[in-house]
């Protein structure tokens, strides 16, 4: 782990390390967050996290997620917390730029989904939800795991997952029967239909 007080220094390190992630640990005004994400997103391959503490407001976390932050990590950063974040959000290897199961293909860098002849772009949170479900195939992903990836520090992360799932299914329904693509598994969570 390397700590930088300046975002440019951090991005310069990340540009030379395909396996590094960026943790925005505070101090950056959120009016600059969109600009930071625009530059950092391609450099970090989307592996950007927000460091949060007890003082971090829910609105701040929500704004960061909308800007494309992949998840949160509780401050102070410890090896255990880093291990948990990397377990929930593994870096996508270059071979995994696209994931295909049957007629469904995810283009991970562009957050797009192809189903048969249709292509649709997804907002970051909905795409990440689908990405985790596809990566787990044929197994299901628990709502607890998804809630952790959406930000355990949100007021109700389970409700956030349910809302995002509703939006995801509605978006998928524009070109495929949503229920045919994602199944709700009682007690277990969600999985991609066989």
C-alpha atoms as a PDB file:
ATOM      1  CA  UNK A   1       0.000   0.000   0.000  1.00  0.00           C
ATOM      2  CA  UNK A   2       1.291   3.415  -1.005  1.00  0.00           C
ATOM      3  CA  UNK A   3      -0.213   6.587   0.460  1.00  0.00           C
ATOM      4  CA  UNK A   4      -0.290   9.791  -1.594  1.00  0.00           C
ATOM      5  CA  UNK A   5      -1.681  13.129  -0.557  1.00  0.00           C
ATOM      6  CA  UNK A   6      -2.056  14.204  -4.201  1.00  0.00           C
ATOM      7  CA  UNK A   7      -4.351  12.431  -6.653  1.00  0.00           C
ATOM      8  CA  UNK A   8      -1.920  12.907  -9.578  1.00  0.00           C
ATOM      9  CA  UNK A   9       0.853  11.051  -7.718  1.00  0.00           C
ATOM     10  CA  UNK A  10      -1.550   8.226  -6.882  1.00  0.00           C
ATOM     11  CA  UNK A  11      -2.703   7.928 -10.511  1.00  0.00           C
ATOM     12  CA  UNK A  12       0.912   7.919 -11.749  1.00  0.00           C
ATOM     13  CA  UNK A  13       1.601   4.882  -9.521  1.00  0.00           C
ATOM     14  CA  UNK A  14      -1.604   3.172 -10.645  1.00  0.00           C
ATOM     15  CA  UNK A  15      -0.817   3.689 -14.329  1.00  0.00           C
ATOM     16  CA  UNK A  16       2.122   1.304 -13.939  1.00  0.00           C
ATOM     17  CA  UNK A  17       0.357  -1.374 -11.873  1.00  0.00           C
ATOM     18  CA  UNK A  18      -2.495  -3.352 -13.454  1.00  0.00           C
ATOM     19  CA  UNK A  19      -3.472  -4.830 -10.095  1.00  0.00           C
ATOM     20  CA  UNK A  20      -3.653  -1.657  -8.005  1.00  0.00           C
ATOM     21  CA  UNK A  21      -6.813  -0.012  -6.705  1.00  0.00           C
ATOM     22  CA  UNK A  22      -7.425   3.581  -5.672  1.00  0.00           C
ATOM     23  CA  UNK A  23      -8.976   4.431  -2.305  1.00  0.00           C
ATOM     24  CA  UNK A  24     -10.204   8.015  -1.958  1.00  0.00           C
ATOM     25  CA  UNK A  25      -9.780   8.422   1.763  1.00  0.00           C
ATOM     26  CA  UNK A  26     -11.137  11.876   2.304  1.00  0.00           C
ATOM     27  CA  UNK A  27     -10.297  15.500   1.875  1.00  0.00           C
ATOM     28  CA  UNK A  28     -11.390  15.692  -1.765  1.00  0.00           C
ATOM     29  CA  UNK A  29     -14.337  18.039  -2.275  1.00  0.00           C
ATOM     30  CA  UNK A  30     -17.153  16.223  -4.011  1.00  0.00           C
ATOM     31  CA  UNK A  31     -17.469  18.869  -6.700  1.00  0.00           C
ATOM     32  CA  UNK A  32     -14.066  17.519  -7.875  1.00  0.00           C
ATOM     33  CA  UNK A  33     -15.128  13.879  -7.610  1.00  0.00           C
ATOM     34  CA  UNK A  34     -16.576  13.692 -11.144  1.00  0.00           C
ATOM     35  CA  UNK A  35     -13.304  15.038 -12.590  1.00  0.00           C
ATOM     36  CA  UNK A  36     -11.251  12.628 -10.472  1.00  0.00           C
ATOM     37  CA  UNK A  37     -13.425   9.696 -11.555  1.00  0.00           C
ATOM     38  CA  UNK A  38     -13.169  10.682 -15.225  1.00  0.00           C
ATOM     39  CA  UNK A  39      -9.364  10.515 -15.063  1.00  0.00           C
ATOM     40  CA  UNK A  40      -9.022   7.728 -12.502  1.00  0.00           C
ATOM     41  CA  UNK A  41     -11.630   5.363 -13.967  1.00  0.00           C
ATOM     42  CA  UNK A  42      -9.644   4.256 -17.036  1.00  0.00           C
ATOM     43  CA  UNK A  43      -6.318   4.261 -15.159  1.00  0.00           C
ATOM     44  CA  UNK A  44      -7.677   2.114 -12.313  1.00  0.00           C
ATOM     45  CA  UNK A  45      -9.873  -0.005 -14.585  1.00  0.00           C
ATOM     46  CA  UNK A  46     -12.791   1.091 -12.394  1.00  0.00           C
ATOM     47  CA  UNK A  47     -11.237  -0.207  -9.179  1.00  0.00           C
ATOM     48  CA  UNK A  48     -11.888   2.922  -7.088  1.00  0.00           C
ATOM     49  CA  UNK A  49     -13.153   2.860  -3.510  1.00  0.00           C
ATOM     50  CA  UNK A  50     -14.254   5.457  -0.994  1.00  0.00           C
ATOM     51  CA  UNK A  51     -12.762   5.435   2.481  1.00  0.00           C
ATOM     52  CA  UNK A  52     -15.539   6.035   5.026  1.00  0.00           C
ATOM     53  CA  UNK A  53     -15.712   6.695   8.747  1.00  0.00           C
ATOM     54  CA  UNK A  54     -18.482   7.169  11.277  1.00  0.00           C
ATOM     55  CA  UNK A  55     -18.626  10.840  10.245  1.00  0.00           C
ATOM     56  CA  UNK A  56     -19.185  10.116   6.539  1.00  0.00           C
ATOM     57  CA  UNK A  57     -22.686  11.121   5.562  1.00  0.00           C
ATOM     58  CA  UNK A  58     -24.945   8.755   3.622  1.00  0.00           C
ATOM     59  CA  UNK A  59     -25.425  11.452   0.965  1.00  0.00           C
ATOM     60  CA  UNK A  60     -21.651  11.567   0.435  1.00  0.00           C
ATOM     61  CA  UNK A  61     -21.480   7.798  -0.079  1.00  0.00           C
ATOM     62  CA  UNK A  62     -24.464   7.889  -2.437  1.00  0.00           C
ATOM     63  CA  UNK A  63     -22.850  10.696  -4.480  1.00  0.00           C
ATOM     64  CA  UNK A  64     -19.607   8.715  -4.723  1.00  0.00           C
ATOM     65  CA  UNK A  65     -21.461   5.586  -5.865  1.00  0.00           C
ATOM     66  CA  UNK A  66     -23.325   7.579  -8.525  1.00  0.00           C
ATOM     67  CA  UNK A  67     -19.969   8.935  -9.714  1.00  0.00           C
ATOM     68  CA  UNK A  68     -18.733   5.361 -10.223  1.00  0.00           C
ATOM     69  CA  UNK A  69     -16.947   4.436  -7.000  1.00  0.00           C
ATOM     70  CA  UNK A  70     -16.923   0.638  -6.849  1.00  0.00           C
ATOM     71  CA  UNK A  71     -17.489   0.294  -3.107  1.00  0.00           C
ATOM     72  CA  UNK A  72     -16.485   1.514   0.329  1.00  0.00           C
ATOM     73  CA  UNK A  73     -13.781   0.618   2.814  1.00  0.00           C
ATOM     74  CA  UNK A  74     -13.915   1.617   6.466  1.00  0.00           C
ATOM     75  CA  UNK A  75     -11.160   3.879   7.748  1.00  0.00           C
ATOM     76  CA  UNK A  76      -8.632   3.456   9.181  1.00  0.00           C
ATOM     77  CA  UNK A  77      -7.478   1.021   6.501  1.00  0.00           C
ATOM     78  CA  UNK A  78      -6.248  -2.279   7.911  1.00  0.00           C
ATOM     79  CA  UNK A  79      -4.963  -5.409   6.144  1.00  0.00           C
ATOM     80  CA  UNK A  80      -8.186  -7.219   7.087  1.00  0.00           C
ATOM     81  CA  UNK A  81     -10.339  -4.484   5.532  1.00  0.00           C
ATOM     82  CA  UNK A  82      -8.247  -4.501   2.354  1.00  0.00           C
ATOM     83  CA  UNK A  83      -8.590  -8.305   2.124  1.00  0.00           C
ATOM     84  CA  UNK A  84     -12.373  -8.018   2.484  1.00  0.00           C
ATOM     85  CA  UNK A  85     -12.586  -5.353  -0.247  1.00  0.00           C
ATOM     86  CA  UNK A  86     -10.416  -7.385  -2.629  1.00  0.00           C
ATOM     87  CA  UNK A  87     -12.499 -10.489  -1.919  1.00  0.00           C
ATOM     88  CA  UNK A  88     -15.737  -8.638  -2.702  1.00  0.00           C
ATOM     89  CA  UNK A  89     -14.278  -6.710  -5.660  1.00  0.00           C
ATOM     90  CA  UNK A  90     -11.564  -8.770  -7.342  1.00  0.00           C
ATOM     91  CA  UNK A  91      -9.652  -6.980 -10.068  1.00  0.00           C
ATOM     92  CA  UNK A  92     -10.786  -8.022 -13.527  1.00  0.00           C
ATOM     93  CA  UNK A  93      -7.945  -9.729 -15.316  1.00  0.00           C
ATOM     94  CA  UNK A  94      -7.302  -8.761 -18.912  1.00  0.00           C
ATOM     95  CA  UNK A  95      -8.782 -12.091 -20.055  1.00  0.00           C
ATOM     96  CA  UNK A  96     -12.037 -11.197 -18.270  1.00  0.00           C
ATOM     97  CA  UNK A  97     -12.809  -8.000 -20.186  1.00  0.00           C
ATOM     98  CA  UNK A  98     -15.886  -9.792 -21.498  1.00  0.00           C
ATOM     99  CA  UNK A  99     -17.902 -12.488 -19.771  1.00  0.00           C
ATOM    100  CA  UNK A 100     -20.247 -14.668 -21.800  1.00  0.00           C
ATOM    101  CA  UNK A 101     -22.841 -17.161 -20.669  1.00  0.00           C
ATOM    102  CA  UNK A 102     -25.093 -18.438 -23.402  1.00  0.00           C
ATOM    103  CA  UNK A 103     -26.485 -15.447 -25.311  1.00  0.00           C
ATOM    104  CA  UNK A 104     -25.589 -12.966 -22.556  1.00  0.00           C
ATOM    105  CA  UNK A 105     -22.268 -11.089 -22.849  1.00  0.00           C
ATOM    106  CA  UNK A 106     -20.947  -8.451 -20.459  1.00  0.00           C
ATOM    107  CA  UNK A 107     -18.371  -5.963 -21.741  1.00  0.00           C
ATOM    108  CA  UNK A 108     -16.819  -5.082 -18.391  1.00  0.00           C
ATOM    109  CA  UNK A 109     -14.755  -1.979 -19.312  1.00  0.00           C
ATOM    110  CA  UNK A 110     -17.690  -0.354 -21.137  1.00  0.00           C
ATOM    111  CA  UNK A 111     -20.417  -1.519 -18.704  1.00  0.00           C
ATOM    112  CA  UNK A 112     -22.489  -2.781 -21.595  1.00  0.00           C
ATOM    113  CA  UNK A 113     -24.595  -5.910 -21.901  1.00  0.00           C
ATOM    114  CA  UNK A 114     -25.350  -7.805 -25.080  1.00  0.00           C
ATOM    115  CA  UNK A 115     -28.340 -10.156 -25.223  1.00  0.00           C
ATOM    116  CA  UNK A 116     -28.747 -11.744 -28.660  1.00  0.00           C
ATOM    117  CA  UNK A 117     -28.681  -8.753 -31.062  1.00  0.00           C
ATOM    118  CA  UNK A 118     -29.377  -6.073 -28.442  1.00  0.00           C
ATOM    119  CA  UNK A 119     -26.787  -3.942 -26.630  1.00  0.00           C
ATOM    120  CA  UNK A 120     -27.539  -1.807 -23.596  1.00  0.00           C
ATOM    121  CA  UNK A 121     -25.310   0.446 -21.458  1.00  0.00           C
ATOM    122  CA  UNK A 122     -25.778   0.258 -17.689  1.00  0.00           C
ATOM    123  CA  UNK A 123     -25.258   2.664 -14.778  1.00  0.00           C
ATOM    124  CA  UNK A 124     -22.326   1.612 -12.592  1.00  0.00           C
ATOM    125  CA  UNK A 125     -24.304   0.153  -9.664  1.00  0.00           C
ATOM    126  CA  UNK A 126     -26.712  -1.880 -11.809  1.00  0.00           C
ATOM    127  CA  UNK A 127     -23.867  -3.178 -13.959  1.00  0.00           C
ATOM    128  CA  UNK A 128     -21.850  -4.188 -10.878  1.00  0.00           C
ATOM    129  CA  UNK A 129     -24.868  -6.053  -9.528  1.00  0.00           C
ATOM    130  CA  UNK A 130     -25.264  -7.975 -12.789  1.00  0.00           C
ATOM    131  CA  UNK A 131     -21.499  -8.471 -13.033  1.00  0.00           C
ATOM    132  CA  UNK A 132     -21.377 -10.138  -9.609  1.00  0.00           C
ATOM    133  CA  UNK A 133     -24.332 -12.374 -10.470  1.00  0.00           C
ATOM    134  CA  UNK A 134     -22.750 -13.416 -13.788  1.00  0.00           C
ATOM    135  CA  UNK A 135     -19.336 -14.035 -12.142  1.00  0.00           C
ATOM    136  CA  UNK A 136     -20.983 -16.320  -9.579  1.00  0.00           C
ATOM    137  CA  UNK A 137     -22.827 -18.399 -12.211  1.00  0.00           C
ATOM    138  CA  UNK A 138     -24.055 -21.138 -11.760  1.00  0.00           C
ATOM    139  CA  UNK A 139     -24.127 -20.322  -8.048  1.00  0.00           C
ATOM    140  CA  UNK A 140     -26.231 -17.616  -6.437  1.00  0.00           C
ATOM    141  CA  UNK A 141     -24.960 -14.446  -4.756  1.00  0.00           C
ATOM    142  CA  UNK A 142     -26.368 -13.692  -1.330  1.00  0.00           C
ATOM    143  CA  UNK A 143     -28.043 -10.380  -0.646  1.00  0.00           C
ATOM    144  CA  UNK A 144     -25.578  -9.929   2.236  1.00  0.00           C
ATOM    145  CA  UNK A 145     -22.615 -10.152  -0.160  1.00  0.00           C
ATOM    146  CA  UNK A 146     -24.271  -7.737  -2.576  1.00  0.00           C
ATOM    147  CA  UNK A 147     -25.142  -5.365   0.292  1.00  0.00           C
ATOM    148  CA  UNK A 148     -21.486  -5.293   1.382  1.00  0.00           C
ATOM    149  CA  UNK A 149     -20.382  -4.421  -2.139  1.00  0.00           C
ATOM    150  CA  UNK A 150     -22.973  -1.641  -2.367  1.00  0.00           C
ATOM    151  CA  UNK A 151     -21.627  -0.025   0.774  1.00  0.00           C
ATOM    152  CA  UNK A 152     -22.229  -1.510   4.171  1.00  0.00           C
ATOM    153  CA  UNK A 153     -22.294   2.018   5.546  1.00  0.00           C
ATOM    154  CA  UNK A 154     -25.465   3.004   3.718  1.00  0.00           C
ATOM    155  CA  UNK A 155     -28.470   3.400   5.974  1.00  0.00           C
ATOM    156  CA  UNK A 156     -30.066   0.218   4.574  1.00  0.00           C
ATOM    157  CA  UNK A 157     -27.718  -1.579   2.149  1.00  0.00           C
ATOM    158  CA  UNK A 158     -30.138  -4.497   1.706  1.00  0.00           C
ATOM    159  CA  UNK A 159     -32.848  -2.098   0.560  1.00  0.00           C
ATOM    160  CA  UNK A 160     -30.322  -0.498  -1.828  1.00  0.00           C
ATOM    161  CA  UNK A 161     -29.675  -3.905  -3.377  1.00  0.00           C
ATOM    162  CA  UNK A 162     -33.398  -4.571  -3.766  1.00  0.00           C
ATOM    163  CA  UNK A 163     -33.971  -1.162  -5.395  1.00  0.00           C
ATOM    164  CA  UNK A 164     -30.996  -1.682  -7.744  1.00  0.00           C
ATOM    165  CA  UNK A 165     -32.280  -5.184  -8.600  1.00  0.00           C
ATOM    166  CA  UNK A 166     -35.694  -3.740  -9.498  1.00  0.00           C
ATOM    167  CA  UNK A 167     -34.010  -1.153 -11.757  1.00  0.00           C
ATOM    168  CA  UNK A 168     -31.731  -3.810 -13.267  1.00  0.00           C
ATOM    169  CA  UNK A 169     -34.646  -6.105 -14.067  1.00  0.00           C
ATOM    170  CA  UNK A 170     -36.601  -3.204 -15.584  1.00  0.00           C
ATOM    171  CA  UNK A 171     -33.628  -2.289 -17.774  1.00  0.00           C
ATOM    172  CA  UNK A 172     -33.145  -5.913 -18.847  1.00  0.00           C
ATOM    173  CA  UNK A 173     -36.853  -6.184 -19.627  1.00  0.00           C
ATOM    174  CA  UNK A 174     -36.388  -3.669 -22.457  1.00  0.00           C
ATOM    175  CA  UNK A 175     -34.862  -6.433 -24.569  1.00  0.00           C
ATOM    176  CA  UNK A 176     -35.287  -9.703 -22.652  1.00  0.00           C
ATOM    177  CA  UNK A 177     -37.702 -11.108 -20.101  1.00  0.00           C
ATOM    178  CA  UNK A 178     -36.017  -9.971 -16.887  1.00  0.00           C
ATOM    179  CA  UNK A 179     -37.251 -12.889 -14.812  1.00  0.00           C
ATOM    180  CA  UNK A 180     -35.776 -15.243 -17.419  1.00  0.00           C
ATOM    181  CA  UNK A 181     -32.301 -13.759 -16.864  1.00  0.00           C
ATOM    182  CA  UNK A 182     -32.145 -13.271 -13.083  1.00  0.00           C
ATOM    183  CA  UNK A 183     -33.826 -15.553 -10.583  1.00  0.00           C
ATOM    184  CA  UNK A 184     -34.538 -14.782  -6.956  1.00  0.00           C
ATOM    185  CA  UNK A 185     -33.446 -17.739  -4.853  1.00  0.00           C
ATOM    186  CA  UNK A 186     -35.290 -17.951  -1.548  1.00  0.00           C
ATOM    187  CA  UNK A 187     -32.917 -17.287   1.328  1.00  0.00           C
ATOM    188  CA  UNK A 188     -29.860 -17.643  -0.987  1.00  0.00           C
ATOM    189  CA  UNK A 189     -30.111 -14.366  -2.966  1.00  0.00           C
ATOM    190  CA  UNK A 190     -29.974 -14.017  -6.758  1.00  0.00           C
ATOM    191  CA  UNK A 191     -28.581 -16.044  -9.631  1.00  0.00           C
ATOM    192  CA  UNK A 192     -28.417 -16.041 -13.374  1.00  0.00           C
ATOM    193  CA  UNK A 193     -31.075 -18.325 -14.836  1.00  0.00           C
ATOM    194  CA  UNK A 194     -29.852 -21.518 -16.487  1.00  0.00           C
END
